[in-house]
Amino acid sequence: MAGLEGSGAQVRTLAVATLKSDYNLAVLLEIACLPRSTFYYHLRALNRPDRHAAVKALITEIFSSRQGRYGHRRIRLELHRRGMQISQKTVWKLMRELGLKCKTRSRKRYVSYRGQVGTIADNVLNRDFTATEPNQKWVTDVTEFRIGADKLYLSPIMDLFDRSVLSYSIGPSPTVEFTLTPLKAALSALPPGATVLVHSDQGFQYQHGAWRAALANAGARQSMSRKGNCLDNAVMENFFGHVKEEMFHHDTHDDIAALESALHTYIAWYNTQRLSLTLKGMSPIEYRTHALAA
């Protein structure tokens, strides 16, 4: 029983209970540093039916069906949607007992800033990430993924109203045209008369004349974060964190082609199924549908 010192009393009780048919109980209790009364207390508890057994099974099923991407907050949201009113603290405790833990995110960021190579717009958004209806405020950026010596880039356009990804590009190089492709796709779907604010960092792509022209031609306004201030585009940074935590670092990708396929799958899942605490426990598309129907 070496190594059990300092372990929880329940763990030591289980070990003693397993070995007591082959060894003297008094000796085992001494080695485990367990008083006899404590041993029998925890032994009775271990033999008691688990009142959380059904909830644990459901938590495990949800965690597995979401590919281990949900932490205790979103697990609790899913339980509530299924009619089970359980506190966040209880869900956290049960997940810890089950050994269920989602991945923590990597903090390494792709930086597209190359100095002032074009026109830098004012920070019109000014960290006001709220929107009262679709197509008021969009945010965009570029993030990088690496598999060995290969790189892959993602550039999405996100609507701050419901945090939905309206369009995106995936490719091997973060060129101006690469970032323009999703912008043009999103702009082409704007309803007549819409005037959207499009916010980005000061990356070289967004300072380029072609980017500014695309916005001007659509009647859109441009906004940029202050130099080196990622919090000015916090919602997009948060989305990239989710992508890397819940998909890139969570799963194994054999090559760039497999990663690209996984990105397409993840974004579709994010838009339609991923529950958001910000969106009243709904997915982006579900939130938009409810809001427009109200």
C-alpha atoms as a PDB file:
ATOM      1  CA  MET A   1       0.000   0.000   0.000  1.00  0.00           C
ATOM      2  CA  ALA A   2       2.979   2.270  -0.533  1.00  0.00           C
ATOM      3  CA  GLY A   3       2.041   5.639  -1.981  1.00  0.00           C
ATOM      4  CA  LEU A   4      -1.399   5.765  -0.348  1.00  0.00           C
ATOM      5  CA  GLU A   5      -0.241   8.140   2.390  1.00  0.00           C
ATOM      6  CA  GLY A   6      -1.912  11.505   1.831  1.00  0.00           C
ATOM      7  CA  SER A   7      -4.538  10.011  -0.492  1.00  0.00           C
ATOM      8  CA  GLY A   8      -8.208  10.596   0.212  1.00  0.00           C
ATOM      9  CA  ALA A   9      -9.813   8.493   2.924  1.00  0.00           C
ATOM     10  CA  GLN A  10     -12.239   7.021   0.382  1.00  0.00           C
ATOM     11  CA  VAL A  11      -9.390   5.818  -1.832  1.00  0.00           C
ATOM     12  CA  ARG A  12      -7.582   4.269   1.129  1.00  0.00           C
ATOM     13  CA  THR A  13     -10.801   2.666   2.356  1.00  0.00           C
ATOM     14  CA  LEU A  14     -11.339   1.075  -1.050  1.00  0.00           C
ATOM     15  CA  ALA A  15      -7.770  -0.249  -1.055  1.00  0.00           C
ATOM     16  CA  VAL A  16      -8.130  -1.734   2.430  1.00  0.00           C
ATOM     17  CA  ALA A  17     -11.501  -3.278   1.544  1.00  0.00           C
ATOM     18  CA  THR A  18      -9.943  -4.915  -1.516  1.00  0.00           C
ATOM     19  CA  LEU A  19      -7.030  -6.404   0.459  1.00  0.00           C
ATOM     20  CA  LYS A  20      -8.672  -7.305   3.769  1.00  0.00           C
ATOM     21  CA  SER A  21      -9.635 -10.837   2.662  1.00  0.00           C
ATOM     22  CA  ASP A  22      -5.918 -11.640   2.218  1.00  0.00           C
ATOM     23  CA  TYR A  23      -4.321  -9.577   5.008  1.00  0.00           C
ATOM     24  CA  ASN A  24      -4.936  -8.708   8.624  1.00  0.00           C
ATOM     25  CA  LEU A  25      -7.339  -5.758   8.833  1.00  0.00           C
ATOM     26  CA  ALA A  26      -5.559  -4.122  11.776  1.00  0.00           C
ATOM     27  CA  VAL A  27      -2.255  -4.169   9.884  1.00  0.00           C
ATOM     28  CA  LEU A  28      -3.849  -2.712   6.749  1.00  0.00           C
ATOM     29  CA  LEU A  29      -5.507   0.082   8.731  1.00  0.00           C
ATOM     30  CA  GLU A  30      -2.206   0.960  10.372  1.00  0.00           C
ATOM     31  CA  ILE A  31      -0.388   1.090   7.019  1.00  0.00           C
ATOM     32  CA  ALA A  32      -3.187   3.181   5.498  1.00  0.00           C
ATOM     33  CA  CYS A  33      -3.263   5.522   8.513  1.00  0.00           C
ATOM     34  CA  LEU A  34      -7.005   4.916   8.823  1.00  0.00           C
ATOM     35  CA  PRO A  35      -8.835   4.766  12.169  1.00  0.00           C
ATOM     36  CA  ARG A  36     -11.179   1.779  12.281  1.00  0.00           C
ATOM     37  CA  SER A  37     -14.234   4.051  12.673  1.00  0.00           C
ATOM     38  CA  THR A  38     -13.226   6.083   9.603  1.00  0.00           C
ATOM     39  CA  PHE A  39     -12.734   2.905   7.575  1.00  0.00           C
ATOM     40  CA  TYR A  40     -16.207   1.585   8.380  1.00  0.00           C
ATOM     41  CA  TYR A  41     -17.809   4.987   7.796  1.00  0.00           C
ATOM     42  CA  HIS A  42     -16.416   5.221   4.269  1.00  0.00           C
ATOM     43  CA  LEU A  43     -17.057   1.532   3.625  1.00  0.00           C
ATOM     44  CA  ARG A  44     -20.765   2.051   4.323  1.00  0.00           C
ATOM     45  CA  ALA A  45     -20.744   5.091   2.057  1.00  0.00           C
ATOM     46  CA  LEU A  46     -19.135   3.089  -0.749  1.00  0.00           C
ATOM     47  CA  ASN A  47     -21.804   0.400  -0.440  1.00  0.00           C
ATOM     48  CA  ARG A  48     -24.635   2.947  -0.527  1.00  0.00           C
ATOM     49  CA  PRO A  49     -26.461   3.400  -3.881  1.00  0.00           C
ATOM     50  CA  ASP A  50     -25.138   6.425  -5.776  1.00  0.00           C
ATOM     51  CA  ARG A  51     -27.976   8.969  -5.815  1.00  0.00           C
ATOM     52  CA  HIS A  52     -26.256  10.788  -8.677  1.00  0.00           C
ATOM     53  CA  ALA A  53     -25.847   7.682 -10.848  1.00  0.00           C
ATOM     54  CA  ALA A  54     -28.417   8.770 -13.456  1.00  0.00           C
ATOM     55  CA  VAL A  55     -27.012  12.303 -13.636  1.00  0.00           C
ATOM     56  CA  LYS A  56     -23.464  10.986 -13.946  1.00  0.00           C
ATOM     57  CA  ALA A  57     -24.511   8.748 -16.826  1.00  0.00           C
ATOM     58  CA  LEU A  58     -26.132  11.701 -18.595  1.00  0.00           C
ATOM     59  CA  ILE A  59     -23.119  13.946 -17.964  1.00  0.00           C
ATOM     60  CA  THR A  60     -20.848  11.273 -19.429  1.00  0.00           C
ATOM     61  CA  GLU A  61     -23.118  10.908 -22.467  1.00  0.00           C
ATOM     62  CA  ILE A  62     -23.195  14.680 -23.085  1.00  0.00           C
ATOM     63  CA  PHE A  63     -19.435  15.022 -22.598  1.00  0.00           C
ATOM     64  CA  SER A  64     -18.803  12.169 -25.042  1.00  0.00           C
ATOM     65  CA  SER A  65     -21.315  13.352 -27.659  1.00  0.00           C
ATOM     66  CA  ARG A  66     -19.689  16.810 -27.631  1.00  0.00           C
ATOM     67  CA  GLN A  67     -16.254  15.226 -28.157  1.00  0.00           C
ATOM     68  CA  GLY A  68     -15.090  16.387 -24.730  1.00  0.00           C
ATOM     69  CA  ARG A  69     -15.476  20.050 -25.725  1.00  0.00           C
ATOM     70  CA  TYR A  70     -17.926  21.021 -22.972  1.00  0.00           C
ATOM     71  CA  GLY A  71     -16.843  22.080 -19.507  1.00  0.00           C
ATOM     72  CA  HIS A  72     -19.142  22.085 -16.471  1.00  0.00           C
ATOM     73  CA  ARG A  73     -20.955  25.305 -17.432  1.00  0.00           C
ATOM     74  CA  ARG A  74     -22.137  24.062 -20.822  1.00  0.00           C
ATOM     75  CA  ILE A  75     -22.817  20.581 -19.463  1.00  0.00           C
ATOM     76  CA  ARG A  76     -25.145  22.270 -16.953  1.00  0.00           C
ATOM     77  CA  LEU A  77     -26.862  24.199 -19.761  1.00  0.00           C
ATOM     78  CA  GLU A  78     -27.444  20.963 -21.658  1.00  0.00           C
ATOM     79  CA  LEU A  79     -28.823  19.287 -18.518  1.00  0.00           C
ATOM     80  CA  HIS A  80     -31.236  22.194 -18.022  1.00  0.00           C
ATOM     81  CA  ARG A  81     -32.408  21.869 -21.626  1.00  0.00           C
ATOM     82  CA  ARG A  82     -33.203  18.241 -20.831  1.00  0.00           C
ATOM     83  CA  GLY A  83     -35.247  19.213 -17.784  1.00  0.00           C
ATOM     84  CA  MET A  84     -32.664  18.548 -15.058  1.00  0.00           C
ATOM     85  CA  GLN A  85     -32.201  21.524 -12.725  1.00  0.00           C
ATOM     86  CA  ILE A  86     -28.751  20.987 -11.182  1.00  0.00           C
ATOM     87  CA  SER A  87     -26.412  23.581  -9.724  1.00  0.00           C
ATOM     88  CA  GLN A  88     -23.179  24.478 -11.471  1.00  0.00           C
ATOM     89  CA  LYS A  89     -21.203  23.456  -8.389  1.00  0.00           C
ATOM     90  CA  THR A  90     -22.783  19.978  -8.380  1.00  0.00           C
ATOM     91  CA  VAL A  91     -22.052  19.459 -12.078  1.00  0.00           C
ATOM     92  CA  TRP A  92     -18.435  20.521 -11.516  1.00  0.00           C
ATOM     93  CA  LYS A  93     -18.124  18.127  -8.571  1.00  0.00           C
ATOM     94  CA  LEU A  94     -19.627  15.183 -10.483  1.00  0.00           C
ATOM     95  CA  MET A  95     -17.427  15.827 -13.521  1.00  0.00           C
ATOM     96  CA  ARG A  96     -14.386  15.856 -11.264  1.00  0.00           C
ATOM     97  CA  GLU A  97     -15.467  12.527  -9.741  1.00  0.00           C
ATOM     98  CA  LEU A  98     -15.882  11.112 -13.250  1.00  0.00           C
ATOM     99  CA  GLY A  99     -12.502  12.451 -14.368  1.00  0.00           C
ATOM    100  CA  LEU A 100     -14.090  14.507 -17.163  1.00  0.00           C
ATOM    101  CA  LYS A 101     -12.130  17.612 -18.060  1.00  0.00           C
ATOM    102  CA  CYS A 102     -12.110  19.617 -21.272  1.00  0.00           C
ATOM    103  CA  LYS A 103      -8.883  20.881 -22.809  1.00  0.00           C
ATOM    104  CA  THR A 104      -7.326  24.189 -21.772  1.00  0.00           C
ATOM    105  CA  ARG A 105      -6.558  26.597 -24.561  1.00  0.00           C
ATOM    106  CA  SER A 106      -3.233  27.586 -26.064  1.00  0.00           C
ATOM    107  CA  ARG A 107      -2.394  31.288 -25.843  1.00  0.00           C
ATOM    108  CA  LYS A 108      -0.082  31.523 -28.872  1.00  0.00           C
ATOM    109  CA  ARG A 109      -1.437  33.997 -31.417  1.00  0.00           C
ATOM    110  CA  TYR A 110      -0.834  34.716 -35.091  1.00  0.00           C
ATOM    111  CA  VAL A 111       0.143  38.377 -35.570  1.00  0.00           C
ATOM    112  CA  SER A 112      -0.524  39.983 -38.950  1.00  0.00           C
ATOM    113  CA  TYR A 113       0.692  43.474 -38.032  1.00  0.00           C
ATOM    114  CA  ARG A 114       3.515  44.637 -40.335  1.00  0.00           C
ATOM    115  CA  GLY A 115       3.576  48.295 -39.400  1.00  0.00           C
ATOM    116  CA  GLN A 116       1.630  50.994 -41.211  1.00  0.00           C
ATOM    117  CA  VAL A 117       1.511  49.834 -44.828  1.00  0.00           C
ATOM    118  CA  GLY A 118      -1.811  51.444 -45.717  1.00  0.00           C
ATOM    119  CA  THR A 119      -4.605  53.307 -43.946  1.00  0.00           C
ATOM    120  CA  ILE A 120      -5.365  52.645 -40.279  1.00  0.00           C
ATOM    121  CA  ALA A 121      -8.985  53.223 -39.254  1.00  0.00           C
ATOM    122  CA  ASP A 122     -10.180  54.533 -35.898  1.00  0.00           C
ATOM    123  CA  ASN A 123     -11.339  52.164 -33.170  1.00  0.00           C
ATOM    124  CA  VAL A 124     -15.020  52.899 -33.776  1.00  0.00           C
ATOM    125  CA  LEU A 125     -16.181  49.675 -32.095  1.00  0.00           C
ATOM    126  CA  ASN A 126     -14.387  50.705 -28.886  1.00  0.00           C
ATOM    127  CA  ARG A 127     -15.042  47.333 -27.206  1.00  0.00           C
ATOM    128  CA  ASP A 128     -18.819  47.678 -27.486  1.00  0.00           C
ATOM    129  CA  PHE A 129     -19.508  44.099 -28.536  1.00  0.00           C
ATOM    130  CA  THR A 130     -23.287  44.375 -28.208  1.00  0.00           C
ATOM    131  CA  ALA A 131     -25.643  44.456 -31.191  1.00  0.00           C
ATOM    132  CA  THR A 132     -29.434  44.743 -31.107  1.00  0.00           C
ATOM    133  CA  GLU A 133     -30.021  43.106 -34.490  1.00  0.00           C
ATOM    134  CA  PRO A 134     -28.126  41.147 -37.143  1.00  0.00           C
ATOM    135  CA  ASN A 135     -25.637  42.909 -39.434  1.00  0.00           C
ATOM    136  CA  GLN A 136     -24.953  45.889 -37.178  1.00  0.00           C
ATOM    137  CA  LYS A 137     -21.413  44.880 -36.192  1.00  0.00           C
ATOM    138  CA  TRP A 138     -19.059  42.270 -37.617  1.00  0.00           C
ATOM    139  CA  VAL A 139     -15.598  41.287 -36.436  1.00  0.00           C
ATOM    140  CA  THR A 140     -12.834  39.459 -38.266  1.00  0.00           C
ATOM    141  CA  ASP A 141      -9.235  38.312 -37.867  1.00  0.00           C
ATOM    142  CA  VAL A 142      -6.814  35.585 -38.979  1.00  0.00           C
ATOM    143  CA  THR A 143      -5.484  32.686 -36.928  1.00  0.00           C
ATOM    144  CA  GLU A 144      -2.769  30.154 -37.720  1.00  0.00           C
ATOM    145  CA  PHE A 145      -2.560  26.375 -37.245  1.00  0.00           C
ATOM    146  CA  ARG A 146       0.591  24.279 -37.581  1.00  0.00           C
ATOM    147  CA  ILE A 147       1.058  20.582 -38.264  1.00  0.00           C
ATOM    148  CA  GLY A 148       4.759  19.856 -38.494  1.00  0.00           C
ATOM    149  CA  ALA A 149       6.245  22.262 -41.024  1.00  0.00           C
ATOM    150  CA  ASP A 150       2.861  22.942 -42.645  1.00  0.00           C
ATOM    151  CA  LYS A 151       0.600  25.880 -41.835  1.00  0.00           C
ATOM    152  CA  LEU A 152      -3.087  26.524 -42.338  1.00  0.00           C
ATOM    153  CA  TYR A 153      -4.958  29.791 -41.788  1.00  0.00           C
ATOM    154  CA  LEU A 154      -8.560  30.605 -40.906  1.00  0.00           C
ATOM    155  CA  SER A 155     -10.248  33.958 -41.527  1.00  0.00           C
ATOM    156  CA  PRO A 156     -13.901  34.231 -40.408  1.00  0.00           C
ATOM    157  CA  ILE A 157     -16.461  37.022 -40.469  1.00  0.00           C
ATOM    158  CA  MET A 158     -18.535  36.956 -37.269  1.00  0.00           C
ATOM    159  CA  ASP A 159     -21.778  38.801 -36.505  1.00  0.00           C
ATOM    160  CA  LEU A 160     -21.699  40.212 -32.970  1.00  0.00           C
ATOM    161  CA  PHE A 161     -25.483  39.937 -32.692  1.00  0.00           C
ATOM    162  CA  ASP A 162     -25.406  36.163 -32.255  1.00  0.00           C
ATOM    163  CA  ARG A 163     -21.685  35.316 -32.547  1.00  0.00           C
ATOM    164  CA  SER A 164     -22.428  33.324 -35.711  1.00  0.00           C
ATOM    165  CA  VAL A 165     -19.741  32.772 -38.349  1.00  0.00           C
ATOM    166  CA  LEU A 166     -21.260  34.275 -41.498  1.00  0.00           C
ATOM    167  CA  SER A 167     -18.464  33.229 -43.853  1.00  0.00           C
ATOM    168  CA  TYR A 168     -14.835  32.166 -43.699  1.00  0.00           C
ATOM    169  CA  SER A 169     -11.710  31.282 -45.663  1.00  0.00           C
ATOM    170  CA  ILE A 170      -9.307  28.415 -45.005  1.00  0.00           C
ATOM    171  CA  GLY A 171      -5.994  28.348 -46.837  1.00  0.00           C
ATOM    172  CA  PRO A 172      -2.205  28.036 -46.748  1.00  0.00           C
ATOM    173  CA  SER A 173      -1.394  31.765 -46.899  1.00  0.00           C
ATOM    174  CA  PRO A 174      -3.005  34.798 -45.166  1.00  0.00           C
ATOM    175  CA  THR A 175      -2.994  37.094 -48.194  1.00  0.00           C
ATOM    176  CA  VAL A 176      -5.178  40.149 -48.753  1.00  0.00           C
ATOM    177  CA  GLU A 177      -7.356  38.157 -51.166  1.00  0.00           C
ATOM    178  CA  PHE A 178      -7.642  35.391 -48.570  1.00  0.00           C
ATOM    179  CA  THR A 179      -9.284  37.801 -46.098  1.00  0.00           C
ATOM    180  CA  LEU A 180     -11.318  39.519 -48.823  1.00  0.00           C
ATOM    181  CA  THR A 181     -13.072  36.311 -49.890  1.00  0.00           C
ATOM    182  CA  PRO A 182     -15.195  35.876 -46.730  1.00  0.00           C
ATOM    183  CA  LEU A 183     -15.752  39.645 -46.481  1.00  0.00           C
ATOM    184  CA  LYS A 184     -17.183  39.816 -50.002  1.00  0.00           C
ATOM    185  CA  ALA A 185     -19.322  36.734 -49.354  1.00  0.00           C
ATOM    186  CA  ALA A 186     -20.804  38.260 -46.200  1.00  0.00           C
ATOM    187  CA  LEU A 187     -21.307  41.687 -47.794  1.00  0.00           C
ATOM    188  CA  SER A 188     -23.100  40.153 -50.775  1.00  0.00           C
ATOM    189  CA  ALA A 189     -25.702  38.665 -48.414  1.00  0.00           C
ATOM    190  CA  LEU A 190     -26.510  41.970 -46.688  1.00  0.00           C
ATOM    191  CA  PRO A 191     -30.135  43.092 -46.980  1.00  0.00           C
ATOM    192  CA  PRO A 192     -30.724  46.322 -48.940  1.00  0.00           C
ATOM    193  CA  GLY A 193     -29.957  49.455 -46.945  1.00  0.00           C
ATOM    194  CA  ALA A 194     -27.897  47.703 -44.261  1.00  0.00           C
ATOM    195  CA  THR A 195     -24.902  49.649 -42.940  1.00  0.00           C
ATOM    196  CA  VAL A 196     -22.566  47.356 -41.069  1.00  0.00           C
ATOM    197  CA  LEU A 197     -19.497  48.211 -38.987  1.00  0.00           C
ATOM    198  CA  VAL A 198     -16.613  45.806 -39.708  1.00  0.00           C
ATOM    199  CA  HIS A 199     -13.913  45.605 -37.033  1.00  0.00           C
ATOM    200  CA  SER A 200     -10.450  44.023 -37.294  1.00  0.00           C
ATOM    201  CA  ASP A 201      -6.954  44.483 -35.934  1.00  0.00           C
ATOM    202  CA  GLN A 202      -4.329  46.553 -37.778  1.00  0.00           C
ATOM    203  CA  GLY A 203      -3.122  43.616 -39.866  1.00  0.00           C
ATOM    204  CA  PHE A 204      -1.651  44.464 -43.257  1.00  0.00           C
ATOM    205  CA  GLN A 205      -4.627  42.846 -45.001  1.00  0.00           C
ATOM    206  CA  TYR A 206      -7.097  45.277 -43.440  1.00  0.00           C
ATOM    207  CA  GLN A 207      -5.006  48.369 -44.224  1.00  0.00           C
ATOM    208  CA  HIS A 208      -4.931  47.444 -47.917  1.00  0.00           C
ATOM    209  CA  GLY A 209      -6.792  49.561 -50.455  1.00  0.00           C
ATOM    210  CA  ALA A 210      -8.696  46.547 -51.788  1.00  0.00           C
ATOM    211  CA  TRP A 211     -10.140  45.829 -48.340  1.00  0.00           C
ATOM    212  CA  ARG A 212     -11.174  49.438 -47.822  1.00  0.00           C
ATOM    213  CA  ALA A 213     -12.681  49.585 -51.314  1.00  0.00           C
ATOM    214  CA  ALA A 214     -14.788  46.477 -50.697  1.00  0.00           C
ATOM    215  CA  LEU A 215     -16.206  48.089 -47.564  1.00  0.00           C
ATOM    216  CA  ALA A 216     -16.836  51.430 -49.254  1.00  0.00           C
ATOM    217  CA  ASN A 217     -18.582  49.820 -52.228  1.00  0.00           C
ATOM    218  CA  ALA A 218     -20.976  48.065 -49.848  1.00  0.00           C
ATOM    219  CA  GLY A 219     -21.594  51.171 -47.734  1.00  0.00           C
ATOM    220  CA  ALA A 220     -19.911  49.536 -44.736  1.00  0.00           C
ATOM    221  CA  ARG A 221     -17.816  51.316 -42.116  1.00  0.00           C
ATOM    222  CA  GLN A 222     -14.367  50.230 -40.970  1.00  0.00           C
ATOM    223  CA  SER A 223     -13.021  49.972 -37.417  1.00  0.00           C
ATOM    224  CA  MET A 224      -9.631  48.784 -36.159  1.00  0.00           C
ATOM    225  CA  SER A 225      -8.221  47.774 -32.796  1.00  0.00           C
ATOM    226  CA  ARG A 226      -5.483  49.870 -31.304  1.00  0.00           C
ATOM    227  CA  LYS A 227      -1.970  48.649 -32.050  1.00  0.00           C
ATOM    228  CA  GLY A 228      -1.065  45.531 -30.077  1.00  0.00           C
ATOM    229  CA  ASN A 229      -4.341  45.502 -28.133  1.00  0.00           C
ATOM    230  CA  CYS A 230      -6.033  42.134 -28.688  1.00  0.00           C
ATOM    231  CA  LEU A 231      -8.783  42.923 -26.153  1.00  0.00           C
ATOM    232  CA  ASP A 232     -10.199  45.430 -28.641  1.00  0.00           C
ATOM    233  CA  ASN A 233     -11.216  42.367 -30.693  1.00  0.00           C
ATOM    234  CA  ALA A 234     -11.903  40.101 -27.715  1.00  0.00           C
ATOM    235  CA  VAL A 235     -14.916  38.256 -29.149  1.00  0.00           C
ATOM    236  CA  MET A 236     -12.978  37.047 -32.176  1.00  0.00           C
ATOM    237  CA  GLU A 237      -9.983  36.137 -30.019  1.00  0.00           C
ATOM    238  CA  ASN A 238     -12.330  34.164 -27.794  1.00  0.00           C
ATOM    239  CA  PHE A 239     -13.718  32.296 -30.807  1.00  0.00           C
ATOM    240  CA  PHE A 240     -10.211  31.355 -31.936  1.00  0.00           C
ATOM    241  CA  GLY A 241      -9.547  30.113 -28.415  1.00  0.00           C
ATOM    242  CA  HIS A 242     -12.589  27.847 -28.634  1.00  0.00           C
ATOM    243  CA  VAL A 243     -11.545  26.493 -32.042  1.00  0.00           C
ATOM    244  CA  LYS A 244      -8.084  25.591 -30.794  1.00  0.00           C
ATOM    245  CA  GLU A 245      -9.191  24.286 -27.412  1.00  0.00           C
ATOM    246  CA  GLU A 246     -12.196  22.283 -28.579  1.00  0.00           C
ATOM    247  CA  MET A 247     -10.987  21.074 -31.967  1.00  0.00           C
ATOM    248  CA  PHE A 248      -7.332  21.630 -32.874  1.00  0.00           C
ATOM    249  CA  HIS A 249      -5.645  20.656 -29.594  1.00  0.00           C
ATOM    250  CA  HIS A 250      -8.441  18.289 -28.621  1.00  0.00           C
ATOM    251  CA  ASP A 251      -8.236  15.962 -31.639  1.00  0.00           C
ATOM    252  CA  THR A 252      -5.452  14.368 -33.676  1.00  0.00           C
ATOM    253  CA  HIS A 253      -5.024  15.599 -37.255  1.00  0.00           C
ATOM    254  CA  ASP A 254      -2.818  13.531 -39.543  1.00  0.00           C
ATOM    255  CA  ASP A 255      -2.217  16.269 -42.096  1.00  0.00           C
ATOM    256  CA  ILE A 256      -3.393  19.659 -43.344  1.00  0.00           C
ATOM    257  CA  ALA A 257      -6.212  18.128 -45.403  1.00  0.00           C
ATOM    258  CA  ALA A 258      -7.598  16.402 -42.311  1.00  0.00           C
ATOM    259  CA  LEU A 259      -7.341  19.637 -40.332  1.00  0.00           C
ATOM    260  CA  GLU A 260      -9.172  21.601 -43.029  1.00  0.00           C
ATOM    261  CA  SER A 261     -11.985  19.056 -43.024  1.00  0.00           C
ATOM    262  CA  ALA A 262     -12.160  19.238 -39.221  1.00  0.00           C
ATOM    263  CA  LEU A 263     -12.390  23.044 -39.358  1.00  0.00           C
ATOM    264  CA  HIS A 264     -15.374  22.902 -41.719  1.00  0.00           C
ATOM    265  CA  THR A 265     -17.075  20.398 -39.414  1.00  0.00           C
ATOM    266  CA  TYR A 266     -16.323  22.406 -36.276  1.00  0.00           C
ATOM    267  CA  ILE A 267     -17.630  25.712 -37.651  1.00  0.00           C
ATOM    268  CA  ALA A 268     -20.883  24.050 -38.751  1.00  0.00           C
ATOM    269  CA  TRP A 269     -21.213  22.512 -35.278  1.00  0.00           C
ATOM    270  CA  TYR A 270     -20.338  25.813 -33.583  1.00  0.00           C
ATOM    271  CA  ASN A 271     -23.018  27.709 -35.516  1.00  0.00           C
ATOM    272  CA  THR A 272     -25.814  25.196 -35.083  1.00  0.00           C
ATOM    273  CA  GLN A 273     -25.159  23.175 -31.913  1.00  0.00           C
ATOM    274  CA  ARG A 274     -22.629  24.742 -29.540  1.00  0.00           C
ATOM    275  CA  LEU A 275     -24.476  26.229 -26.570  1.00  0.00           C
ATOM    276  CA  SER A 276     -23.363  29.709 -25.529  1.00  0.00           C
ATOM    277  CA  LEU A 277     -23.660  31.237 -22.070  1.00  0.00           C
ATOM    278  CA  THR A 278     -23.818  34.676 -23.727  1.00  0.00           C
ATOM    279  CA  LEU A 279     -26.756  33.631 -25.927  1.00  0.00           C
ATOM    280  CA  LYS A 280     -29.086  32.475 -23.128  1.00  0.00           C
ATOM    281  CA  GLY A 281     -27.959  28.875 -23.446  1.00  0.00           C
ATOM    282  CA  MET A 282     -28.623  28.650 -27.200  1.00  0.00           C
ATOM    283  CA  SER A 283     -26.460  28.096 -30.254  1.00  0.00           C
ATOM    284  CA  PRO A 284     -25.823  31.115 -32.538  1.00  0.00           C
ATOM    285  CA  ILE A 285     -28.315  30.060 -35.215  1.00  0.00           C
ATOM    286  CA  GLU A 286     -30.895  29.033 -32.624  1.00  0.00           C
ATOM    287  CA  TYR A 287     -30.542  32.436 -30.936  1.00  0.00           C
ATOM    288  CA  ARG A 288     -30.954  34.269 -34.248  1.00  0.00           C
ATOM    289  CA  THR A 289     -34.016  32.212 -35.162  1.00  0.00           C
ATOM    290  CA  HIS A 290     -35.680  32.934 -31.796  1.00  0.00           C
ATOM    291  CA  ALA A 291     -34.813  36.643 -31.955  1.00  0.00           C
ATOM    292  CA  LEU A 292     -36.151  37.152 -35.472  1.00  0.00           C
ATOM    293  CA  ALA A 293     -39.339  35.231 -34.673  1.00  0.00           C
ATOM    294  CA  ALA A 294     -40.096  37.363 -31.598  1.00  0.00           C
END
